[in-house]
Amino acid sequence: MSNLGGWRTEAPVTEEMKKICITVKPDIETAVGTNFPVYSPLSFRLQVVAGINYLVKVCVGEDVCVHAMIFQDFQRKLNVTGVQFPESNSEPLEPF
């Protein structure tokens, strides 16, 4: 297990992470100001704090990605706290 409060390494998305990404898709689209016909979560990192911070890479076109920061509290409520767009598929997930 990684250090408490530290970010874990980037990993392929899980089924749970896919569900989270689909749930917050409208919030991410609003933050960016566009609708994404392509929306495929690729990888994520997480940080355990007073809840969980997720940093996720979502493919939204050919070599175009969104990096989104999502916070999930202990009641499992989700909140998009930051979005970086556009990013390339090769760009690593780094906390922002």
PDB file of N, CA and C in Angstrom:
ATOM      1  N   MET A   1       0.848  -1.184   0.000  1.00  0.00           N
ATOM      2  CA  MET A   1       0.000   0.000   0.000  1.00  0.00           C
ATOM      3  C   MET A   1       0.889   1.240   0.000  1.00  0.00           C
ATOM      4  N   SER A   2       0.477   2.253  -0.756  1.00  0.00           N
ATOM      5  CA  SER A   2       1.261   3.480  -0.828  1.00  0.00           C
ATOM      6  C   SER A   2       1.085   4.297   0.449  1.00  0.00           C
ATOM      7  N   ASN A   3       1.928   5.317   0.578  1.00  0.00           N
ATOM      8  CA  ASN A   3       1.880   6.130   1.788  1.00  0.00           C
ATOM      9  C   ASN A   3       0.521   6.804   1.948  1.00  0.00           C
ATOM     10  N   LEU A   4       0.088   6.919   3.210  1.00  0.00           N
ATOM     11  CA  LEU A   4      -1.207   7.503   3.517  1.00  0.00           C
ATOM     12  C   LEU A   4      -1.264   8.936   3.000  1.00  0.00           C
ATOM     13  N   GLY A   5      -2.292   9.251   2.264  1.00  0.00           N
ATOM     14  CA  GLY A   5      -2.454  10.583   1.708  1.00  0.00           C
ATOM     15  C   GLY A   5      -1.727  10.796   0.398  1.00  0.00           C
ATOM     16  N   GLY A   6      -0.894   9.842  -0.002  1.00  0.00           N
ATOM     17  CA  GLY A   6      -0.162   9.961  -1.259  1.00  0.00           C
ATOM     18  C   GLY A   6      -0.966   9.425  -2.434  1.00  0.00           C
ATOM     19  N   TRP A   7      -0.597   9.837  -3.608  1.00  0.00           N
ATOM     20  CA  TRP A   7      -1.254   9.359  -4.818  1.00  0.00           C
ATOM     21  C   TRP A   7      -0.723   7.984  -5.198  1.00  0.00           C
ATOM     22  N   ARG A   8      -1.605   7.078  -5.518  1.00  0.00           N
ATOM     23  CA  ARG A   8      -1.209   5.757  -6.010  1.00  0.00           C
ATOM     24  C   ARG A   8      -0.807   5.878  -7.471  1.00  0.00           C
ATOM     25  N   THR A   9      -0.106   4.870  -7.970  1.00  0.00           N
ATOM     26  CA  THR A   9       0.350   4.905  -9.357  1.00  0.00           C
ATOM     27  C   THR A   9      -0.826   4.736 -10.319  1.00  0.00           C
ATOM     28  N   GLU A  10      -0.613   5.182 -11.541  1.00  0.00           N
ATOM     29  CA  GLU A  10      -1.635   5.102 -12.587  1.00  0.00           C
ATOM     30  C   GLU A  10      -1.932   3.638 -12.903  1.00  0.00           C
ATOM     31  N   ALA A  11      -3.220   3.318 -13.046  1.00  0.00           N
ATOM     32  CA  ALA A  11      -3.658   1.955 -13.318  1.00  0.00           C
ATOM     33  C   ALA A  11      -4.812   1.978 -14.324  1.00  0.00           C
ATOM     34  N   PRO A  12      -5.039   0.864 -15.041  1.00  0.00           N
ATOM     35  CA  PRO A  12      -6.195   0.787 -15.945  1.00  0.00           C
ATOM     36  C   PRO A  12      -7.497   0.940 -15.156  1.00  0.00           C
ATOM     37  N   VAL A  13      -8.508   1.493 -15.810  1.00  0.00           N
ATOM     38  CA  VAL A  13      -9.787   1.699 -15.128  1.00  0.00           C
ATOM     39  C   VAL A  13     -10.428   0.368 -14.750  1.00  0.00           C
ATOM     40  N   THR A  14     -11.142   0.401 -13.655  1.00  0.00           N
ATOM     41  CA  THR A  14     -11.925  -0.738 -13.179  1.00  0.00           C
ATOM     42  C   THR A  14     -13.380  -0.501 -13.570  1.00  0.00           C
ATOM     43  N   GLU A  15     -14.215  -1.498 -13.373  1.00  0.00           N
ATOM     44  CA  GLU A  15     -15.650  -1.329 -13.655  1.00  0.00           C
ATOM     45  C   GLU A  15     -16.243  -0.236 -12.770  1.00  0.00           C
ATOM     46  N   GLU A  16     -15.840  -0.191 -11.497  1.00  0.00           N
ATOM     47  CA  GLU A  16     -16.330   0.847 -10.593  1.00  0.00           C
ATOM     48  C   GLU A  16     -15.920   2.235 -11.081  1.00  0.00           C
ATOM     49  N   MET A  17     -14.671   2.360 -11.545  1.00  0.00           N
ATOM     50  CA  MET A  17     -14.197   3.655 -12.037  1.00  0.00           C
ATOM     51  C   MET A  17     -14.945   4.059 -13.300  1.00  0.00           C
ATOM     52  N   LYS A  18     -15.257   3.104 -14.176  1.00  0.00           N
ATOM     53  CA  LYS A  18     -16.057   3.407 -15.376  1.00  0.00           C
ATOM     54  C   LYS A  18     -17.411   3.973 -14.979  1.00  0.00           C
ATOM     55  N   LYS A  19     -18.057   3.372 -13.973  1.00  0.00           N
ATOM     56  CA  LYS A  19     -19.361   3.853 -13.511  1.00  0.00           C
ATOM     57  C   LYS A  19     -19.260   5.272 -12.967  1.00  0.00           C
ATOM     58  N   ILE A  20     -18.211   5.539 -12.211  1.00  0.00           N
ATOM     59  CA  ILE A  20     -18.006   6.888 -11.673  1.00  0.00           C
ATOM     60  C   ILE A  20     -17.849   7.884 -12.817  1.00  0.00           C
ATOM     61  N   CYS A  21     -17.051   7.533 -13.817  1.00  0.00           N
ATOM     62  CA  CYS A  21     -16.822   8.428 -14.962  1.00  0.00           C
ATOM     63  C   CYS A  21     -18.112   8.715 -15.724  1.00  0.00           C
ATOM     64  N   ILE A  22     -18.926   7.704 -15.924  1.00  0.00           N
ATOM     65  CA  ILE A  22     -20.202   7.894 -16.628  1.00  0.00           C
ATOM     66  C   ILE A  22     -21.115   8.811 -15.815  1.00  0.00           C
ATOM     67  N   THR A  23     -21.125   8.632 -14.497  1.00  0.00           N
ATOM     68  CA  THR A  23     -21.966   9.448 -13.626  1.00  0.00           C
ATOM     69  C   THR A  23     -21.604  10.926 -13.727  1.00  0.00           C
ATOM     70  N   VAL A  24     -20.315  11.245 -13.795  1.00  0.00           N
ATOM     71  CA  VAL A  24     -19.885  12.649 -13.802  1.00  0.00           C
ATOM     72  C   VAL A  24     -19.665  13.209 -15.212  1.00  0.00           C
ATOM     73  N   LYS A  25     -19.950  12.430 -16.249  1.00  0.00           N
ATOM     74  CA  LYS A  25     -19.750  12.904 -17.628  1.00  0.00           C
ATOM     75  C   LYS A  25     -20.420  14.257 -17.879  1.00  0.00           C
ATOM     76  N   PRO A  26     -21.693  14.463 -17.479  1.00  0.00           N
ATOM     77  CA  PRO A  26     -22.307  15.787 -17.716  1.00  0.00           C
ATOM     78  C   PRO A  26     -21.552  16.933 -17.045  1.00  0.00           C
ATOM     79  N   ASP A  27     -21.002  16.687 -15.857  1.00  0.00           N
ATOM     80  CA  ASP A  27     -20.244  17.728 -15.150  1.00  0.00           C
ATOM     81  C   ASP A  27     -18.941  18.048 -15.880  1.00  0.00           C
ATOM     82  N   ILE A  28     -18.286  17.019 -16.395  1.00  0.00           N
ATOM     83  CA  ILE A  28     -17.042  17.222 -17.149  1.00  0.00           C
ATOM     84  C   ILE A  28     -17.330  17.971 -18.441  1.00  0.00           C
ATOM     85  N   GLU A  29     -18.396  17.586 -19.139  1.00  0.00           N
ATOM     86  CA  GLU A  29     -18.774  18.273 -20.382  1.00  0.00           C
ATOM     87  C   GLU A  29     -19.107  19.741 -20.103  1.00  0.00           C
ATOM     88  N   THR A  30     -19.797  20.017 -19.017  1.00  0.00           N
ATOM     89  CA  THR A  30     -20.113  21.403 -18.650  1.00  0.00           C
ATOM     90  C   THR A  30     -18.839  22.195 -18.372  1.00  0.00           C
ATOM     91  N   ALA A  31     -17.901  21.582 -17.658  1.00  0.00           N
ATOM     92  CA  ALA A  31     -16.649  22.270 -17.332  1.00  0.00           C
ATOM     93  C   ALA A  31     -15.849  22.617 -18.586  1.00  0.00           C
ATOM     94  N   VAL A  32     -15.895  21.733 -19.581  1.00  0.00           N
ATOM     95  CA  VAL A  32     -15.139  21.941 -20.816  1.00  0.00           C
ATOM     96  C   VAL A  32     -15.936  22.780 -21.812  1.00  0.00           C
ATOM     97  N   GLY A  33     -17.257  22.724 -21.735  1.00  0.00           N
ATOM     98  CA  GLY A  33     -18.099  23.498 -22.635  1.00  0.00           C
ATOM     99  C   GLY A  33     -18.421  22.792 -23.935  1.00  0.00           C
ATOM    100  N   THR A  34     -18.415  21.461 -23.921  1.00  0.00           N
ATOM    101  CA  THR A  34     -18.752  20.699 -25.123  1.00  0.00           C
ATOM    102  C   THR A  34     -19.294  19.331 -24.733  1.00  0.00           C
ATOM    103  N   ASN A  35     -19.971  18.675 -25.669  1.00  0.00           N
ATOM    104  CA  ASN A  35     -20.433  17.305 -25.470  1.00  0.00           C
ATOM    105  C   ASN A  35     -19.457  16.367 -26.161  1.00  0.00           C
ATOM    106  N   PHE A  36     -19.198  15.243 -25.539  1.00  0.00           N
ATOM    107  CA  PHE A  36     -18.259  14.269 -26.077  1.00  0.00           C
ATOM    108  C   PHE A  36     -18.996  13.049 -26.627  1.00  0.00           C
ATOM    109  N   PRO A  37     -19.036  12.885 -27.978  1.00  0.00           N
ATOM    110  CA  PRO A  37     -19.649  11.672 -28.528  1.00  0.00           C
ATOM    111  C   PRO A  37     -18.812  10.433 -28.214  1.00  0.00           C
ATOM    112  N   VAL A  38     -17.487  10.622 -28.093  1.00  0.00           N
ATOM    113  CA  VAL A  38     -16.588   9.549 -27.665  1.00  0.00           C
ATOM    114  C   VAL A  38     -16.229   9.852 -26.219  1.00  0.00           C
ATOM    115  N   TYR A  39     -16.324   8.855 -25.340  1.00  0.00           N
ATOM    116  CA  TYR A  39     -16.045   9.056 -23.917  1.00  0.00           C
ATOM    117  C   TYR A  39     -15.680   7.706 -23.323  1.00  0.00           C
ATOM    118  N   SER A  40     -14.371   7.434 -23.323  1.00  0.00           N
ATOM    119  CA  SER A  40     -13.888   6.122 -22.910  1.00  0.00           C
ATOM    120  C   SER A  40     -12.809   6.269 -21.833  1.00  0.00           C
ATOM    121  N   PRO A  41     -13.139   5.976 -20.569  1.00  0.00           N
ATOM    122  CA  PRO A  41     -12.144   6.051 -19.501  1.00  0.00           C
ATOM    123  C   PRO A  41     -10.996   5.080 -19.751  1.00  0.00           C
ATOM    124  N   LEU A  42      -9.752   5.559 -19.578  1.00  0.00           N
ATOM    125  CA  LEU A  42      -8.572   4.741 -19.860  1.00  0.00           C
ATOM    126  C   LEU A  42      -7.816   4.323 -18.608  1.00  0.00           C
ATOM    127  N   SER A  43      -7.480   5.283 -17.755  1.00  0.00           N
ATOM    128  CA  SER A  43      -6.660   4.988 -16.577  1.00  0.00           C
ATOM    129  C   SER A  43      -7.012   5.971 -15.468  1.00  0.00           C
ATOM    130  N   PHE A  44      -6.533   5.638 -14.253  1.00  0.00           N
ATOM    131  CA  PHE A  44      -6.824   6.517 -13.123  1.00  0.00           C
ATOM    132  C   PHE A  44      -5.771   6.363 -12.040  1.00  0.00           C
ATOM    133  N   ARG A  45      -5.771   7.335 -11.159  1.00  0.00           N
ATOM    134  CA  ARG A  45      -4.982   7.318  -9.931  1.00  0.00           C
ATOM    135  C   ARG A  45      -5.940   7.682  -8.804  1.00  0.00           C
ATOM    136  N   LEU A  46      -5.587   7.319  -7.588  1.00  0.00           N
ATOM    137  CA  LEU A  46      -6.424   7.716  -6.463  1.00  0.00           C
ATOM    138  C   LEU A  46      -5.582   8.109  -5.275  1.00  0.00           C
ATOM    139  N   GLN A  47      -6.211   8.898  -4.417  1.00  0.00           N
ATOM    140  CA  GLN A  47      -5.593   9.390  -3.194  1.00  0.00           C
ATOM    141  C   GLN A  47      -6.649   9.301  -2.095  1.00  0.00           C
ATOM    142  N   VAL A  48      -6.324   8.593  -1.018  1.00  0.00           N
ATOM    143  CA  VAL A  48      -7.253   8.483   0.099  1.00  0.00           C
ATOM    144  C   VAL A  48      -6.992   9.643   1.051  1.00  0.00           C
ATOM    145  N   VAL A  49      -8.027  10.444   1.248  1.00  0.00           N
ATOM    146  CA  VAL A  49      -7.977  11.590   2.158  1.00  0.00           C
ATOM    147  C   VAL A  49      -9.228  11.485   3.024  1.00  0.00           C
ATOM    148  N   ALA A  50      -9.919  12.563   3.293  1.00  0.00           N
ATOM    149  CA  ALA A  50     -11.206  12.507   3.981  1.00  0.00           C
ATOM    150  C   ALA A  50     -12.262  12.187   2.921  1.00  0.00           C
ATOM    151  N   GLY A  51     -12.115  11.030   2.313  1.00  0.00           N
ATOM    152  CA  GLY A  51     -12.862  10.589   1.135  1.00  0.00           C
ATOM    153  C   GLY A  51     -11.820  10.081   0.155  1.00  0.00           C
ATOM    154  N   ILE A  52     -12.143  10.110  -1.120  1.00  0.00           N
ATOM    155  CA  ILE A  52     -11.195   9.657  -2.140  1.00  0.00           C
ATOM    156  C   ILE A  52     -11.138  10.676  -3.268  1.00  0.00           C
ATOM    157  N   ASN A  53      -9.915  11.085  -3.606  1.00  0.00           N
ATOM    158  CA  ASN A  53      -9.679  11.868  -4.809  1.00  0.00           C
ATOM    159  C   ASN A  53      -9.325  10.896  -5.926  1.00  0.00           C
ATOM    160  N   TYR A  54     -10.012  11.027  -7.050  1.00  0.00           N
ATOM    161  CA  TYR A  54      -9.679  10.257  -8.244  1.00  0.00           C
ATOM    162  C   TYR A  54      -9.151  11.221  -9.293  1.00  0.00           C
ATOM    163  N   LEU A  55      -8.148  10.813 -10.003  1.00  0.00           N
ATOM    164  CA  LEU A  55      -7.647  11.536 -11.163  1.00  0.00           C
ATOM    165  C   LEU A  55      -7.761  10.565 -12.312  1.00  0.00           C
ATOM    166  N   VAL A  56      -8.555  10.910 -13.312  1.00  0.00           N
ATOM    167  CA  VAL A  56      -8.875   9.954 -14.372  1.00  0.00           C
ATOM    168  C   VAL A  56      -8.568  10.535 -15.744  1.00  0.00           C
ATOM    169  N   LYS A  57      -8.097   9.668 -16.630  1.00  0.00           N
ATOM    170  CA  LYS A  57      -7.852  10.023 -18.028  1.00  0.00           C
ATOM    171  C   LYS A  57      -8.965   9.398 -18.861  1.00  0.00           C
ATOM    172  N   VAL A  58      -9.678  10.249 -19.605  1.00  0.00           N
ATOM    173  CA  VAL A  58     -10.787   9.794 -20.433  1.00  0.00           C
ATOM    174  C   VAL A  58     -10.520  10.184 -21.878  1.00  0.00           C
ATOM    175  N   CYS A  59     -10.518   9.196 -22.768  1.00  0.00           N
ATOM    176  CA  CYS A  59     -10.353   9.449 -24.197  1.00  0.00           C
ATOM    177  C   CYS A  59     -11.658  10.040 -24.737  1.00  0.00           C
ATOM    178  N   VAL A  60     -11.545  11.179 -25.427  1.00  0.00           N
ATOM    179  CA  VAL A  60     -12.731  11.836 -25.988  1.00  0.00           C
ATOM    180  C   VAL A  60     -12.606  12.049 -27.496  1.00  0.00           C
ATOM    181  N   GLY A  61     -11.581  11.461 -28.101  1.00  0.00           N
ATOM    182  CA  GLY A  61     -11.348  11.566 -29.540  1.00  0.00           C
ATOM    183  C   GLY A  61     -10.015  10.937 -29.874  1.00  0.00           C
ATOM    184  N   GLU A  62      -9.654  11.004 -31.139  1.00  0.00           N
ATOM    185  CA  GLU A  62      -8.388  10.415 -31.559  1.00  0.00           C
ATOM    186  C   GLU A  62      -7.227  11.179 -30.930  1.00  0.00           C
ATOM    187  N   ASP A  63      -6.534  10.538 -30.005  1.00  0.00           N
ATOM    188  CA  ASP A  63      -5.418  11.110 -29.249  1.00  0.00           C
ATOM    189  C   ASP A  63      -5.792  12.406 -28.523  1.00  0.00           C
ATOM    190  N   VAL A  64      -7.040  12.516 -28.102  1.00  0.00           N
ATOM    191  CA  VAL A  64      -7.490  13.661 -27.308  1.00  0.00           C
ATOM    192  C   VAL A  64      -8.136  13.107 -26.041  1.00  0.00           C
ATOM    193  N   CYS A  65      -7.659  13.606 -24.910  1.00  0.00           N
ATOM    194  CA  CYS A  65      -8.167  13.144 -23.616  1.00  0.00           C
ATOM    195  C   CYS A  65      -8.537  14.314 -22.722  1.00  0.00           C
ATOM    196  N   VAL A  66      -9.340  13.984 -21.739  1.00  0.00           N
ATOM    197  CA  VAL A  66      -9.647  14.877 -20.631  1.00  0.00           C
ATOM    198  C   VAL A  66      -9.016  14.268 -19.395  1.00  0.00           C
ATOM    199  N   HIS A  67      -8.387  15.095 -18.565  1.00  0.00           N
ATOM    200  CA  HIS A  67      -7.949  14.670 -17.251  1.00  0.00           C
ATOM    201  C   HIS A  67      -8.914  15.324 -16.267  1.00  0.00           C
ATOM    202  N   ALA A  68      -9.566  14.510 -15.454  1.00  0.00           N
ATOM    203  CA  ALA A  68     -10.558  15.038 -14.520  1.00  0.00           C
ATOM    204  C   ALA A  68     -10.226  14.624 -13.092  1.00  0.00           C
ATOM    205  N   MET A  69     -10.374  15.573 -12.186  1.00  0.00           N
ATOM    206  CA  MET A  69     -10.219  15.318 -10.763  1.00  0.00           C
ATOM    207  C   MET A  69     -11.628  15.177 -10.192  1.00  0.00           C
ATOM    208  N   ILE A  70     -11.877  14.063  -9.518  1.00  0.00           N
ATOM    209  CA  ILE A  70     -13.193  13.765  -8.964  1.00  0.00           C
ATOM    210  C   ILE A  70     -13.020  13.442  -7.482  1.00  0.00           C
ATOM    211  N   PHE A  71     -13.835  14.060  -6.642  1.00  0.00           N
ATOM    212  CA  PHE A  71     -13.807  13.762  -5.216  1.00  0.00           C
ATOM    213  C   PHE A  71     -15.050  12.974  -4.844  1.00  0.00           C
ATOM    214  N   GLN A  72     -14.860  11.893  -4.087  1.00  0.00           N
ATOM    215  CA  GLN A  72     -15.974  11.087  -3.583  1.00  0.00           C
ATOM    216  C   GLN A  72     -15.920  11.119  -2.055  1.00  0.00           C
ATOM    217  N   ASP A  73     -16.991  11.640  -1.438  1.00  0.00           N
ATOM    218  CA  ASP A  73     -17.003  11.706   0.022  1.00  0.00           C
ATOM    219  C   ASP A  73     -17.449  10.370   0.614  1.00  0.00           C
ATOM    220  N   PHE A  74     -17.515  10.309   1.937  1.00  0.00           N
ATOM    221  CA  PHE A  74     -17.842   9.050   2.604  1.00  0.00           C
ATOM    222  C   PHE A  74     -19.279   8.592   2.361  1.00  0.00           C
ATOM    223  N   GLN A  75     -20.145   9.504   1.911  1.00  0.00           N
ATOM    224  CA  GLN A  75     -21.511   9.124   1.555  1.00  0.00           C
ATOM    225  C   GLN A  75     -21.599   8.738   0.070  1.00  0.00           C
ATOM    226  N   ARG A  76     -20.443   8.666  -0.597  1.00  0.00           N
ATOM    227  CA  ARG A  76     -20.288   8.281  -2.001  1.00  0.00           C
ATOM    228  C   ARG A  76     -20.782   9.358  -2.981  1.00  0.00           C
ATOM    229  N   LYS A  77     -20.991  10.590  -2.494  1.00  0.00           N
ATOM    230  CA  LYS A  77     -21.355  11.702  -3.371  1.00  0.00           C
ATOM    231  C   LYS A  77     -20.131  12.096  -4.181  1.00  0.00           C
ATOM    232  N   LEU A  78     -20.339  12.335  -5.486  1.00  0.00           N
ATOM    233  CA  LEU A  78     -19.250  12.666  -6.411  1.00  0.00           C
ATOM    234  C   LEU A  78     -19.272  14.143  -6.761  1.00  0.00           C
ATOM    235  N   ASN A  79     -18.071  14.726  -6.878  1.00  0.00           N
ATOM    236  CA  ASN A  79     -17.945  16.129  -7.248  1.00  0.00           C
ATOM    237  C   ASN A  79     -16.709  16.289  -8.132  1.00  0.00           C
ATOM    238  N   VAL A  80     -16.896  16.829  -9.334  1.00  0.00           N
ATOM    239  CA  VAL A  80     -15.759  17.119 -10.220  1.00  0.00           C
ATOM    240  C   VAL A  80     -15.116  18.401  -9.705  1.00  0.00           C
ATOM    241  N   THR A  81     -13.842  18.286  -9.312  1.00  0.00           N
ATOM    242  CA  THR A  81     -13.161  19.443  -8.716  1.00  0.00           C
ATOM    243  C   THR A  81     -12.159  20.107  -9.656  1.00  0.00           C
ATOM    244  N   GLY A  82     -11.890  19.492 -10.803  1.00  0.00           N
ATOM    245  CA  GLY A  82     -10.982  20.088 -11.770  1.00  0.00           C
ATOM    246  C   GLY A  82     -10.955  19.300 -13.068  1.00  0.00           C
ATOM    247  N   VAL A  83     -10.694  20.004 -14.165  1.00  0.00           N
ATOM    248  CA  VAL A  83     -10.632  19.379 -15.481  1.00  0.00           C
ATOM    249  C   VAL A  83      -9.505  20.027 -16.274  1.00  0.00           C
ATOM    250  N   GLN A  84      -8.701  19.197 -16.932  1.00  0.00           N
ATOM    251  CA  GLN A  84      -7.690  19.684 -17.873  1.00  0.00           C
ATOM    252  C   GLN A  84      -8.041  19.134 -19.249  1.00  0.00           C
ATOM    253  N   PHE A  85      -8.151  20.043 -20.234  1.00  0.00           N
ATOM    254  CA  PHE A  85      -8.540  19.671 -21.592  1.00  0.00           C
ATOM    255  C   PHE A  85      -8.023  20.712 -22.555  1.00  0.00           C
ATOM    256  N   PRO A  86      -7.484  20.318 -23.686  1.00  0.00           N
ATOM    257  CA  PRO A  86      -7.232  18.947 -24.144  1.00  0.00           C
ATOM    258  C   PRO A  86      -5.875  18.448 -23.655  1.00  0.00           C
ATOM    259  N   GLU A  87      -5.769  17.157 -23.529  1.00  0.00           N
ATOM    260  CA  GLU A  87      -4.530  16.460 -23.194  1.00  0.00           C
ATOM    261  C   GLU A  87      -4.338  15.355 -24.240  1.00  0.00           C
ATOM    262  N   SER A  88      -3.103  14.975 -24.496  1.00  0.00           N
ATOM    263  CA  SER A  88      -2.867  13.870 -25.431  1.00  0.00           C
ATOM    264  C   SER A  88      -2.958  12.558 -24.667  1.00  0.00           C
ATOM    265  N   ASN A  89      -3.151  11.494 -25.407  1.00  0.00           N
ATOM    266  CA  ASN A  89      -3.239  10.154 -24.828  1.00  0.00           C
ATOM    267  C   ASN A  89      -1.945   9.775 -24.093  1.00  0.00           C
ATOM    268  N   SER A  90      -0.813  10.295 -24.556  1.00  0.00           N
ATOM    269  CA  SER A  90       0.466   9.945 -23.948  1.00  0.00           C
ATOM    270  C   SER A  90       0.807  10.785 -22.716  1.00  0.00           C
ATOM    271  N   GLU A  91       0.042  11.824 -22.457  1.00  0.00           N
ATOM    272  CA  GLU A  91       0.308  12.701 -21.319  1.00  0.00           C
ATOM    273  C   GLU A  91       0.034  11.945 -20.012  1.00  0.00           C
ATOM    274  N   PRO A  92       1.009  11.909 -19.083  1.00  0.00           N
ATOM    275  CA  PRO A  92       0.800  11.183 -17.835  1.00  0.00           C
ATOM    276  C   PRO A  92      -0.211  11.896 -16.932  1.00  0.00           C
ATOM    277  N   LEU A  93      -0.843  11.126 -16.064  1.00  0.00           N
ATOM    278  CA  LEU A  93      -1.768  11.691 -15.087  1.00  0.00           C
ATOM    279  C   LEU A  93      -0.974  12.256 -13.917  1.00  0.00           C
ATOM    280  N   GLU A  94      -0.985  13.566 -13.779  1.00  0.00           N
ATOM    281  CA  GLU A  94      -0.300  14.249 -12.683  1.00  0.00           C
ATOM    282  C   GLU A  94      -1.311  15.104 -11.936  1.00  0.00           C
ATOM    283  N   PRO A  95      -1.355  15.016 -10.617  1.00  0.00           N
ATOM    284  CA  PRO A  95      -2.278  15.842  -9.848  1.00  0.00           C
ATOM    285  C   PRO A  95      -2.133  17.330 -10.195  1.00  0.00           C
ATOM    286  N   PHE A  96      -3.257  18.007 -10.230  1.00  0.00           N
ATOM    287  CA  PHE A  96      -3.260  19.443 -10.528  1.00  0.00           C
ATOM    288  C   PHE A  96      -4.170  20.165  -9.564  1.00  0.00           C
TER     289      PHE A  96
END
